[in-house]
């Protein structure tokens, strides 16, 4: 499982938990606010992953299509993209599918 798959699954789990709690009529207004916030955070994370993945694909394409190596920026960019995804995975460090290599600072 790669980090994007891992994150997508965890975000889906968070979203399902928030929706379950929102359907519970005993949840207080403050609890409802928190669950609504969690749903928005799930959407924000999905969007960020989409942006990072699009940038990653562009960098990889630049590296492949640039025989003169003018895309010298691409490897460094790929590293920053990977670090961004690792930062998103940090809250899930105690999940059994979490890979310790993702803890790299």
PDB file of N, CA and C in Angstrom:
ATOM      1  N   UNK A   1       0.849  -1.168   0.000  1.00  0.00           N
ATOM      2  CA  UNK A   1       0.000   0.000   0.000  1.00  0.00           C
ATOM      3  C   UNK A   1       0.898   1.236   0.000  1.00  0.00           C
ATOM      4  N   UNK A   2       0.657   2.135  -0.935  1.00  0.00           N
ATOM      5  CA  UNK A   2       1.459   3.356  -0.937  1.00  0.00           C
ATOM      6  C   UNK A   2       0.794   4.404  -0.040  1.00  0.00           C
ATOM      7  N   UNK A   3       1.472   5.503   0.145  1.00  0.00           N
ATOM      8  CA  UNK A   3       1.008   6.505   1.099  1.00  0.00           C
ATOM      9  C   UNK A   3      -0.311   7.148   0.667  1.00  0.00           C
ATOM     10  N   UNK A   4      -0.531   7.300  -0.630  1.00  0.00           N
ATOM     11  CA  UNK A   4      -1.788   7.888  -1.104  1.00  0.00           C
ATOM     12  C   UNK A   4      -2.958   6.948  -0.818  1.00  0.00           C
ATOM     13  N   UNK A   5      -2.766   5.672  -1.061  1.00  0.00           N
ATOM     14  CA  UNK A   5      -3.818   4.695  -0.740  1.00  0.00           C
ATOM     15  C   UNK A   5      -4.084   4.677   0.763  1.00  0.00           C
ATOM     16  N   UNK A   6      -3.013   4.684   1.539  1.00  0.00           N
ATOM     17  CA  UNK A   6      -3.147   4.695   2.993  1.00  0.00           C
ATOM     18  C   UNK A   6      -3.955   5.909   3.445  1.00  0.00           C
ATOM     19  N   UNK A   7      -3.583   7.090   2.965  1.00  0.00           N
ATOM     20  CA  UNK A   7      -4.285   8.307   3.354  1.00  0.00           C
ATOM     21  C   UNK A   7      -5.741   8.290   2.910  1.00  0.00           C
ATOM     22  N   UNK A   8      -5.986   7.835   1.702  1.00  0.00           N
ATOM     23  CA  UNK A   8      -7.361   7.787   1.192  1.00  0.00           C
ATOM     24  C   UNK A   8      -8.241   6.903   2.067  1.00  0.00           C
ATOM     25  N   UNK A   9      -7.711   5.772   2.488  1.00  0.00           N
ATOM     26  CA  UNK A   9      -8.477   4.871   3.353  1.00  0.00           C
ATOM     27  C   UNK A   9      -8.724   5.489   4.725  1.00  0.00           C
ATOM     28  N   UNK A  10      -7.713   6.132   5.303  1.00  0.00           N
ATOM     29  CA  UNK A  10      -7.894   6.733   6.624  1.00  0.00           C
ATOM     30  C   UNK A  10      -8.887   7.889   6.556  1.00  0.00           C
ATOM     31  N   UNK A  11      -8.809   8.686   5.505  1.00  0.00           N
ATOM     32  CA  UNK A  11      -9.735   9.811   5.357  1.00  0.00           C
ATOM     33  C   UNK A  11     -11.161   9.296   5.206  1.00  0.00           C
ATOM     34  N   UNK A  12     -11.341   8.233   4.451  1.00  0.00           N
ATOM     35  CA  UNK A  12     -12.677   7.640   4.306  1.00  0.00           C
ATOM     36  C   UNK A  12     -13.199   7.132   5.648  1.00  0.00           C
ATOM     37  N   UNK A  13     -12.320   6.553   6.452  1.00  0.00           N
ATOM     38  CA  UNK A  13     -12.723   6.094   7.787  1.00  0.00           C
ATOM     39  C   UNK A  13     -13.124   7.273   8.672  1.00  0.00           C
ATOM     40  N   UNK A  14     -12.346   8.347   8.632  1.00  0.00           N
ATOM     41  CA  UNK A  14     -12.679   9.538   9.417  1.00  0.00           C
ATOM     42  C   UNK A  14     -14.029  10.104   8.987  1.00  0.00           C
ATOM     43  N   UNK A  15     -14.227  10.164   7.684  1.00  0.00           N
ATOM     44  CA  UNK A  15     -15.478  10.698   7.152  1.00  0.00           C
ATOM     45  C   UNK A  15     -16.674   9.845   7.577  1.00  0.00           C
ATOM     46  N   UNK A  16     -16.524   8.533   7.510  1.00  0.00           N
ATOM     47  CA  UNK A  16     -17.608   7.631   7.915  1.00  0.00           C
ATOM     48  C   UNK A  16     -17.932   7.806   9.400  1.00  0.00           C
ATOM     49  N   UNK A  17     -16.907   7.939  10.227  1.00  0.00           N
ATOM     50  CA  UNK A  17     -17.127   8.139  11.664  1.00  0.00           C
ATOM     51  C   UNK A  17     -17.861   9.452  11.921  1.00  0.00           C
ATOM     52  N   UNK A  18     -17.467  10.503  11.228  1.00  0.00           N
ATOM     53  CA  UNK A  18     -18.127  11.799  11.403  1.00  0.00           C
ATOM     54  C   UNK A  18     -19.585  11.729  10.973  1.00  0.00           C
ATOM     55  N   UNK A  19     -19.852  11.083   9.851  1.00  0.00           N
ATOM     56  CA  UNK A  19     -21.241  10.964   9.373  1.00  0.00           C
ATOM     57  C   UNK A  19     -22.089  10.135  10.343  1.00  0.00           C
ATOM     58  N   UNK A  20     -21.504   9.097  10.901  1.00  0.00           N
ATOM     59  CA  UNK A  20     -22.230   8.277  11.878  1.00  0.00           C
ATOM     60  C   UNK A  20     -22.603   9.117  13.096  1.00  0.00           C
ATOM     61  N   UNK A  21     -21.661   9.884  13.600  1.00  0.00           N
ATOM     62  CA  UNK A  21     -21.937  10.716  14.769  1.00  0.00           C
ATOM     63  C   UNK A  21     -22.934  11.824  14.454  1.00  0.00           C
ATOM     64  N   UNK A  22     -22.874  12.370  13.249  1.00  0.00           N
ATOM     65  CA  UNK A  22     -23.821  13.416  12.875  1.00  0.00           C
ATOM     66  C   UNK A  22     -25.251  12.891  12.793  1.00  0.00           C
ATOM     67  N   UNK A  23     -25.398  11.619  12.490  1.00  0.00           N
ATOM     68  CA  UNK A  23     -26.746  11.045  12.410  1.00  0.00           C
ATOM     69  C   UNK A  23     -27.297  10.690  13.793  1.00  0.00           C
ATOM     70  N   UNK A  24     -26.469  10.780  14.818  1.00  0.00           N
ATOM     71  CA  UNK A  24     -26.876  10.490  16.194  1.00  0.00           C
ATOM     72  C   UNK A  24     -27.521  11.742  16.796  1.00  0.00           C
ATOM     73  N   UNK A  25     -28.798  11.661  17.102  1.00  0.00           N
ATOM     74  CA  UNK A  25     -29.529  12.828  17.612  1.00  0.00           C
ATOM     75  C   UNK A  25     -29.097  13.235  19.025  1.00  0.00           C
ATOM     76  N   UNK A  26     -28.329  12.399  19.689  1.00  0.00           N
ATOM     77  CA  UNK A  26     -27.883  12.746  21.042  1.00  0.00           C
ATOM     78  C   UNK A  26     -26.595  13.564  21.044  1.00  0.00           C
ATOM     79  N   UNK A  27     -26.000  13.776  19.876  1.00  0.00           N
ATOM     80  CA  UNK A  27     -24.762  14.557  19.792  1.00  0.00           C
ATOM     81  C   UNK A  27     -25.084  16.026  20.071  1.00  0.00           C
ATOM     82  N   UNK A  28     -24.304  16.637  20.930  1.00  0.00           N
ATOM     83  CA  UNK A  28     -24.522  18.040  21.286  1.00  0.00           C
ATOM     84  C   UNK A  28     -24.189  18.954  20.110  1.00  0.00           C
ATOM     85  N   UNK A  29     -24.558  20.206  20.243  1.00  0.00           N
ATOM     86  CA  UNK A  29     -24.244  21.191  19.197  1.00  0.00           C
ATOM     87  C   UNK A  29     -22.734  21.331  19.024  1.00  0.00           C
ATOM     88  N   UNK A  30     -22.000  21.298  20.125  1.00  0.00           N
ATOM     89  CA  UNK A  30     -20.541  21.407  19.997  1.00  0.00           C
ATOM     90  C   UNK A  30     -19.974  20.157  19.332  1.00  0.00           C
ATOM     91  N   UNK A  31     -20.548  18.999  19.630  1.00  0.00           N
ATOM     92  CA  UNK A  31     -20.122  17.772  18.965  1.00  0.00           C
ATOM     93  C   UNK A  31     -20.454  17.804  17.488  1.00  0.00           C
ATOM     94  N   UNK A  32     -21.616  18.362  17.171  1.00  0.00           N
ATOM     95  CA  UNK A  32     -22.021  18.485  15.770  1.00  0.00           C
ATOM     96  C   UNK A  32     -21.061  19.410  15.027  1.00  0.00           C
ATOM     97  N   UNK A  33     -20.689  20.515  15.677  1.00  0.00           N
ATOM     98  CA  UNK A  33     -19.734  21.435  15.059  1.00  0.00           C
ATOM     99  C   UNK A  33     -18.428  20.710  14.764  1.00  0.00           C
ATOM    100  N   UNK A  34     -17.952  19.922  15.724  1.00  0.00           N
ATOM    101  CA  UNK A  34     -16.701  19.191  15.553  1.00  0.00           C
ATOM    102  C   UNK A  34     -16.795  18.210  14.387  1.00  0.00           C
ATOM    103  N   UNK A  35     -17.889  17.485  14.296  1.00  0.00           N
ATOM    104  CA  UNK A  35     -18.040  16.498  13.219  1.00  0.00           C
ATOM    105  C   UNK A  35     -18.149  17.181  11.859  1.00  0.00           C
ATOM    106  N   UNK A  36     -18.830  18.326  11.798  1.00  0.00           N
ATOM    107  CA  UNK A  36     -18.885  19.087  10.539  1.00  0.00           C
ATOM    108  C   UNK A  36     -17.481  19.547  10.157  1.00  0.00           C
ATOM    109  N   UNK A  37     -16.727  19.974  11.135  1.00  0.00           N
ATOM    110  CA  UNK A  37     -15.352  20.411  10.895  1.00  0.00           C
ATOM    111  C   UNK A  37     -14.505  19.248  10.380  1.00  0.00           C
ATOM    112  N   UNK A  38     -14.698  18.067  10.961  1.00  0.00           N
ATOM    113  CA  UNK A  38     -13.962  16.884  10.522  1.00  0.00           C
ATOM    114  C   UNK A  38     -14.288  16.552   9.065  1.00  0.00           C
ATOM    115  N   UNK A  39     -15.554  16.685   8.679  1.00  0.00           N
ATOM    116  CA  UNK A  39     -15.922  16.434   7.277  1.00  0.00           C
ATOM    117  C   UNK A  39     -15.207  17.414   6.347  1.00  0.00           C
ATOM    118  N   UNK A  40     -15.132  18.675   6.748  1.00  0.00           N
ATOM    119  CA  UNK A  40     -14.425  19.665   5.929  1.00  0.00           C
ATOM    120  C   UNK A  40     -12.928  19.367   5.870  1.00  0.00           C
ATOM    121  N   UNK A  41     -12.365  18.914   6.980  1.00  0.00           N
ATOM    122  CA  UNK A  41     -10.949  18.544   6.980  1.00  0.00           C
ATOM    123  C   UNK A  41     -10.689  17.356   6.060  1.00  0.00           C
ATOM    124  N   UNK A  42     -11.607  16.413   6.029  1.00  0.00           N
ATOM    125  CA  UNK A  42     -11.468  15.269   5.118  1.00  0.00           C
ATOM    126  C   UNK A  42     -11.444  15.751   3.673  1.00  0.00           C
ATOM    127  N   UNK A  43     -12.354  16.663   3.336  1.00  0.00           N
ATOM    128  CA  UNK A  43     -12.388  17.193   1.971  1.00  0.00           C
ATOM    129  C   UNK A  43     -11.113  17.977   1.663  1.00  0.00           C
ATOM    130  N   UNK A  44     -10.648  18.768   2.620  1.00  0.00           N
ATOM    131  CA  UNK A  44      -9.418  19.543   2.408  1.00  0.00           C
ATOM    132  C   UNK A  44      -8.225  18.617   2.162  1.00  0.00           C
ATOM    133  N   UNK A  45      -8.128  17.541   2.927  1.00  0.00           N
ATOM    134  CA  UNK A  45      -7.031  16.583   2.740  1.00  0.00           C
ATOM    135  C   UNK A  45      -7.114  15.922   1.371  1.00  0.00           C
ATOM    136  N   UNK A  46      -8.320  15.562   0.954  1.00  0.00           N
ATOM    137  CA  UNK A  46      -8.474  14.959  -0.381  1.00  0.00           C
ATOM    138  C   UNK A  46      -8.023  15.925  -1.472  1.00  0.00           C
ATOM    139  N   UNK A  47      -8.401  17.180  -1.332  1.00  0.00           N
ATOM    140  CA  UNK A  47      -7.993  18.178  -2.329  1.00  0.00           C
ATOM    141  C   UNK A  47      -6.481  18.353  -2.341  1.00  0.00           C
ATOM    142  N   UNK A  48      -5.880  18.413  -1.164  1.00  0.00           N
ATOM    143  CA  UNK A  48      -4.428  18.568  -1.082  1.00  0.00           C
ATOM    144  C   UNK A  48      -3.711  17.374  -1.701  1.00  0.00           C
ATOM    145  N   UNK A  49      -4.197  16.185  -1.432  1.00  0.00           N
ATOM    146  CA  UNK A  49      -3.607  14.989  -2.046  1.00  0.00           C
ATOM    147  C   UNK A  49      -3.725  15.074  -3.562  1.00  0.00           C
ATOM    148  N   UNK A  50      -4.860  15.551  -4.063  1.00  0.00           N
ATOM    149  CA  UNK A  50      -5.040  15.717  -5.506  1.00  0.00           C
ATOM    150  C   UNK A  50      -4.046  16.700  -6.099  1.00  0.00           C
ATOM    151  N   UNK A  51      -3.820  17.803  -5.407  1.00  0.00           N
ATOM    152  CA  UNK A  51      -2.853  18.804  -5.872  1.00  0.00           C
ATOM    153  C   UNK A  51      -1.446  18.214  -5.886  1.00  0.00           C
ATOM    154  N   UNK A  52      -1.071  17.537  -4.812  1.00  0.00           N
ATOM    155  CA  UNK A  52       0.267  16.943  -4.722  1.00  0.00           C
ATOM    156  C   UNK A  52       0.451  15.876  -5.799  1.00  0.00           C
ATOM    157  N   UNK A  53      -0.561  15.053  -6.007  1.00  0.00           N
ATOM    158  CA  UNK A  53      -0.455  14.001  -7.019  1.00  0.00           C
ATOM    159  C   UNK A  53      -0.360  14.584  -8.431  1.00  0.00           C
ATOM    160  N   UNK A  54      -1.103  15.653  -8.713  1.00  0.00           N
ATOM    161  CA  UNK A  54      -1.012  16.298 -10.027  1.00  0.00           C
ATOM    162  C   UNK A  54       0.383  16.887 -10.233  1.00  0.00           C
ATOM    163  N   UNK A  55       0.915  17.521  -9.202  1.00  0.00           N
ATOM    164  CA  UNK A  55       2.264  18.086  -9.294  1.00  0.00           C
ATOM    165  C   UNK A  55       3.299  16.982  -9.471  1.00  0.00           C
ATOM    166  N   UNK A  56       3.096  15.880  -8.773  1.00  0.00           N
ATOM    167  CA  UNK A  56       4.035  14.753  -8.886  1.00  0.00           C
ATOM    168  C   UNK A  56       4.036  14.192 -10.301  1.00  0.00           C
ATOM    169  N   UNK A  57       2.865  14.040 -10.874  1.00  0.00           N
ATOM    170  CA  UNK A  57       2.781  13.534 -12.246  1.00  0.00           C
ATOM    171  C   UNK A  57       3.447  14.495 -13.229  1.00  0.00           C
ATOM    172  N   UNK A  58       3.271  15.789 -13.009  1.00  0.00           N
ATOM    173  CA  UNK A  58       3.920  16.780 -13.876  1.00  0.00           C
ATOM    174  C   UNK A  58       5.437  16.713 -13.757  1.00  0.00           C
ATOM    175  N   UNK A  59       5.930  16.569 -12.540  1.00  0.00           N
ATOM    176  CA  UNK A  59       7.381  16.482 -12.337  1.00  0.00           C
ATOM    177  C   UNK A  59       7.946  15.221 -12.977  1.00  0.00           C
ATOM    178  N   UNK A  60       7.251  14.105 -12.807  1.00  0.00           N
ATOM    179  CA  UNK A  60       7.714  12.855 -13.427  1.00  0.00           C
ATOM    180  C   UNK A  60       7.706  12.960 -14.947  1.00  0.00           C
ATOM    181  N   UNK A  61       6.664  13.569 -15.495  1.00  0.00           N
ATOM    182  CA  UNK A  61       6.585  13.745 -16.951  1.00  0.00           C
ATOM    183  C   UNK A  61       7.717  14.638 -17.446  1.00  0.00           C
ATOM    184  N   UNK A  62       8.040  15.681 -16.690  1.00  0.00           N
ATOM    185  CA  UNK A  62       9.132  16.575 -17.078  1.00  0.00           C
ATOM    186  C   UNK A  62      10.463  15.835 -17.077  1.00  0.00           C
ATOM    187  N   UNK A  63      10.670  14.973 -16.100  1.00  0.00           N
ATOM    188  CA  UNK A  63      11.919  14.213 -16.034  1.00  0.00           C
ATOM    189  C   UNK A  63      12.043  13.244 -17.202  1.00  0.00           C
ATOM    190  N   UNK A  64      10.949  12.609 -17.565  1.00  0.00           N
ATOM    191  CA  UNK A  64      10.968  11.620 -18.648  1.00  0.00           C
ATOM    192  C   UNK A  64      11.132  12.292 -20.006  1.00  0.00           C
ATOM    193  N   UNK A  65      10.481  13.439 -20.177  1.00  0.00           N
ATOM    194  CA  UNK A  65      10.474  14.077 -21.494  1.00  0.00           C
ATOM    195  C   UNK A  65      11.612  15.070 -21.702  1.00  0.00           C
ATOM    196  N   UNK A  66      12.500  15.211 -20.742  1.00  0.00           N
ATOM    197  CA  UNK A  66      13.564  16.206 -20.828  1.00  0.00           C
ATOM    198  C   UNK A  66      14.930  15.539 -20.991  1.00  0.00           C
ATOM    199  N   UNK A  67      15.318  15.229 -22.223  1.00  0.00           N
ATOM    200  CA  UNK A  67      16.593  14.543 -22.430  1.00  0.00           C
ATOM    201  C   UNK A  67      17.809  15.400 -22.056  1.00  0.00           C
ATOM    202  N   UNK A  68      17.656  16.705 -22.024  1.00  0.00           N
ATOM    203  CA  UNK A  68      18.778  17.586 -21.689  1.00  0.00           C
ATOM    204  C   UNK A  68      18.859  17.875 -20.191  1.00  0.00           C
ATOM    205  N   UNK A  69      17.993  17.260 -19.423  1.00  0.00           N
ATOM    206  CA  UNK A  69      17.977  17.417 -17.967  1.00  0.00           C
ATOM    207  C   UNK A  69      17.768  18.866 -17.531  1.00  0.00           C
ATOM    208  N   UNK A  70      16.946  19.592 -18.301  1.00  0.00           N
ATOM    209  CA  UNK A  70      16.634  20.958 -17.883  1.00  0.00           C
ATOM    210  C   UNK A  70      15.616  20.964 -16.749  1.00  0.00           C
ATOM    211  N   UNK A  71      15.034  19.818 -16.497  1.00  0.00           N
ATOM    212  CA  UNK A  71      14.071  19.706 -15.393  1.00  0.00           C
ATOM    213  C   UNK A  71      14.791  19.290 -14.113  1.00  0.00           C
ATOM    214  N   UNK A  72      15.925  19.943 -13.844  1.00  0.00           N
ATOM    215  CA  UNK A  72      16.721  19.605 -12.661  1.00  0.00           C
ATOM    216  C   UNK A  72      15.969  19.880 -11.353  1.00  0.00           C
ATOM    217  N   UNK A  73      14.921  20.666 -11.438  1.00  0.00           N
ATOM    218  CA  UNK A  73      14.098  20.982 -10.275  1.00  0.00           C
ATOM    219  C   UNK A  73      13.210  19.812  -9.859  1.00  0.00           C
ATOM    220  N   UNK A  74      12.933  18.911 -10.777  1.00  0.00           N
ATOM    221  CA  UNK A  74      11.931  17.868 -10.543  1.00  0.00           C
ATOM    222  C   UNK A  74      12.270  16.920  -9.386  1.00  0.00           C
ATOM    223  N   UNK A  75      13.481  16.378  -9.292  1.00  0.00           N
ATOM    224  CA  UNK A  75      13.750  15.456  -8.174  1.00  0.00           C
ATOM    225  C   UNK A  75      13.545  16.101  -6.802  1.00  0.00           C
ATOM    226  N   UNK A  76      13.995  17.333  -6.664  1.00  0.00           N
ATOM    227  CA  UNK A  76      13.812  18.033  -5.379  1.00  0.00           C
ATOM    228  C   UNK A  76      12.324  18.260  -5.106  1.00  0.00           C
ATOM    229  N   UNK A  77      11.585  18.607  -6.149  1.00  0.00           N
ATOM    230  CA  UNK A  77      10.142  18.802  -6.002  1.00  0.00           C
ATOM    231  C   UNK A  77       9.454  17.517  -5.584  1.00  0.00           C
ATOM    232  N   UNK A  78       9.877  16.408  -6.154  1.00  0.00           N
ATOM    233  CA  UNK A  78       9.295  15.115  -5.785  1.00  0.00           C
ATOM    234  C   UNK A  78       9.533  14.821  -4.304  1.00  0.00           C
ATOM    235  N   UNK A  79      10.705  15.181  -3.816  1.00  0.00           N
ATOM    236  CA  UNK A  79      11.007  14.976  -2.399  1.00  0.00           C
ATOM    237  C   UNK A  79      10.064  15.799  -1.521  1.00  0.00           C
ATOM    238  N   UNK A  80       9.832  17.054  -1.881  1.00  0.00           N
ATOM    239  CA  UNK A  80       8.932  17.899  -1.094  1.00  0.00           C
ATOM    240  C   UNK A  80       7.499  17.388  -1.159  1.00  0.00           C
ATOM    241  N   UNK A  81       7.108  16.872  -2.296  1.00  0.00           N
ATOM    242  CA  UNK A  81       5.756  16.311  -2.418  1.00  0.00           C
ATOM    243  C   UNK A  81       5.597  15.107  -1.501  1.00  0.00           C
ATOM    244  N   UNK A  82       6.613  14.258  -1.474  1.00  0.00           N
ATOM    245  CA  UNK A  82       6.577  13.081  -0.603  1.00  0.00           C
ATOM    246  C   UNK A  82       6.523  13.503   0.866  1.00  0.00           C
ATOM    247  N   UNK A  83       7.282  14.512   1.223  1.00  0.00           N
ATOM    248  CA  UNK A  83       7.261  15.010   2.603  1.00  0.00           C
ATOM    249  C   UNK A  83       5.889  15.582   2.970  1.00  0.00           C
ATOM    250  N   UNK A  84       5.233  16.205   2.009  1.00  0.00           N
ATOM    251  CA  UNK A  84       3.885  16.739   2.254  1.00  0.00           C
ATOM    252  C   UNK A  84       2.911  15.616   2.569  1.00  0.00           C
ATOM    253  N   UNK A  85       2.983  14.546   1.801  1.00  0.00           N
ATOM    254  CA  UNK A  85       2.108  13.397   2.044  1.00  0.00           C
ATOM    255  C   UNK A  85       2.438  12.740   3.385  1.00  0.00           C
ATOM    256  N   UNK A  86       3.712  12.668   3.711  1.00  0.00           N
ATOM    257  CA  UNK A  86       4.110  12.089   5.000  1.00  0.00           C
ATOM    258  C   UNK A  86       3.571  12.917   6.163  1.00  0.00           C
ATOM    259  N   UNK A  87       3.553  14.230   6.004  1.00  0.00           N
ATOM    260  CA  UNK A  87       3.005  15.093   7.054  1.00  0.00           C
ATOM    261  C   UNK A  87       1.513  14.828   7.244  1.00  0.00           C
ATOM    262  N   UNK A  88       0.799  14.606   6.152  1.00  0.00           N
ATOM    263  CA  UNK A  88      -0.630  14.289   6.253  1.00  0.00           C
ATOM    264  C   UNK A  88      -0.865  12.945   6.929  1.00  0.00           C
ATOM    265  N   UNK A  89       0.078  12.032   6.791  1.00  0.00           N
ATOM    266  CA  UNK A  89      -0.078  10.692   7.371  1.00  0.00           C
ATOM    267  C   UNK A  89       0.249  10.653   8.860  1.00  0.00           C
ATOM    268  N   UNK A  90       0.948  11.641   9.367  1.00  0.00           N
ATOM    269  CA  UNK A  90       1.416  11.624  10.750  1.00  0.00           C
ATOM    270  C   UNK A  90       0.324  11.337  11.790  1.00  0.00           C
ATOM    271  N   UNK A  91      -0.877  11.911  11.696  1.00  0.00           N
ATOM    272  CA  UNK A  91      -1.891  11.623  12.715  1.00  0.00           C
ATOM    273  C   UNK A  91      -2.296  10.148  12.795  1.00  0.00           C
ATOM    274  N   UNK A  92      -1.952   9.382  11.793  1.00  0.00           N
ATOM    275  CA  UNK A  92      -2.337   7.967  11.742  1.00  0.00           C
ATOM    276  C   UNK A  92      -1.165   7.041  12.086  1.00  0.00           C
ATOM    277  N   UNK A  93      -0.147   7.572  12.780  1.00  0.00           N
ATOM    278  CA  UNK A  93       1.078   6.801  13.042  1.00  0.00           C
ATOM    279  C   UNK A  93       0.826   5.504  13.804  1.00  0.00           C
ATOM    280  N   UNK A  94      -0.285   5.434  14.543  1.00  0.00           N
ATOM    281  CA  UNK A  94      -0.551   4.232  15.334  1.00  0.00           C
ATOM    282  C   UNK A  94      -1.392   3.194  14.591  1.00  0.00           C
ATOM    283  N   UNK A  95      -1.689   3.452  13.331  1.00  0.00           N
ATOM    284  CA  UNK A  95      -2.449   2.492  12.522  1.00  0.00           C
ATOM    285  C   UNK A  95      -1.512   1.363  12.094  1.00  0.00           C
ATOM    286  N   UNK A  96      -1.999   0.123  12.068  1.00  0.00           N
ATOM    287  CA  UNK A  96      -1.124  -1.009  11.710  1.00  0.00           C
ATOM    288  C   UNK A  96      -0.535  -0.932  10.300  1.00  0.00           C
ATOM    289  N   UNK A  97      -1.178  -0.230   9.384  1.00  0.00           N
ATOM    290  CA  UNK A  97      -0.657  -0.120   8.017  1.00  0.00           C
ATOM    291  C   UNK A  97       0.310   1.051   7.831  1.00  0.00           C
ATOM    292  N   UNK A  98       0.499   1.835   8.873  1.00  0.00           N
ATOM    293  CA  UNK A  98       1.416   2.973   8.790  1.00  0.00           C
ATOM    294  C   UNK A  98       2.843   2.457   8.673  1.00  0.00           C
ATOM    295  N   UNK A  99       3.597   3.014   7.743  1.00  0.00           N
ATOM    296  CA  UNK A  99       4.997   2.616   7.554  1.00  0.00           C
ATOM    297  C   UNK A  99       5.913   3.590   8.297  1.00  0.00           C
ATOM    298  N   UNK A 100       6.806   3.066   9.090  1.00  0.00           N
ATOM    299  CA  UNK A 100       7.684   3.896   9.910  1.00  0.00           C
ATOM    300  C   UNK A 100       8.539   4.854   9.082  1.00  0.00           C
ATOM    301  N   UNK A 101       8.825   4.506   7.838  1.00  0.00           N
ATOM    302  CA  UNK A 101       9.589   5.388   6.962  1.00  0.00           C
ATOM    303  C   UNK A 101       8.879   6.700   6.674  1.00  0.00           C
ATOM    304  N   UNK A 102       7.583   6.729   6.911  1.00  0.00           N
ATOM    305  CA  UNK A 102       6.813   7.958   6.692  1.00  0.00           C
ATOM    306  C   UNK A 102       7.019   8.970   7.812  1.00  0.00           C
ATOM    307  N   UNK A 103       7.723   8.591   8.865  1.00  0.00           N
ATOM    308  CA  UNK A 103       7.991   9.506   9.976  1.00  0.00           C
ATOM    309  C   UNK A 103       9.171  10.428   9.699  1.00  0.00           C
ATOM    310  N   UNK A 104       9.793  10.260   8.565  1.00  0.00           N
ATOM    311  CA  UNK A 104      10.959  11.093   8.224  1.00  0.00           C
ATOM    312  C   UNK A 104      10.594  12.575   8.345  1.00  0.00           C
ATOM    313  N   UNK A 105      11.418  13.344   9.066  1.00  0.00           N
ATOM    314  CA  UNK A 105      11.103  14.779   9.244  1.00  0.00           C
ATOM    315  C   UNK A 105      11.294  15.571   7.966  1.00  0.00           C
TER     316      UNK A 105
END
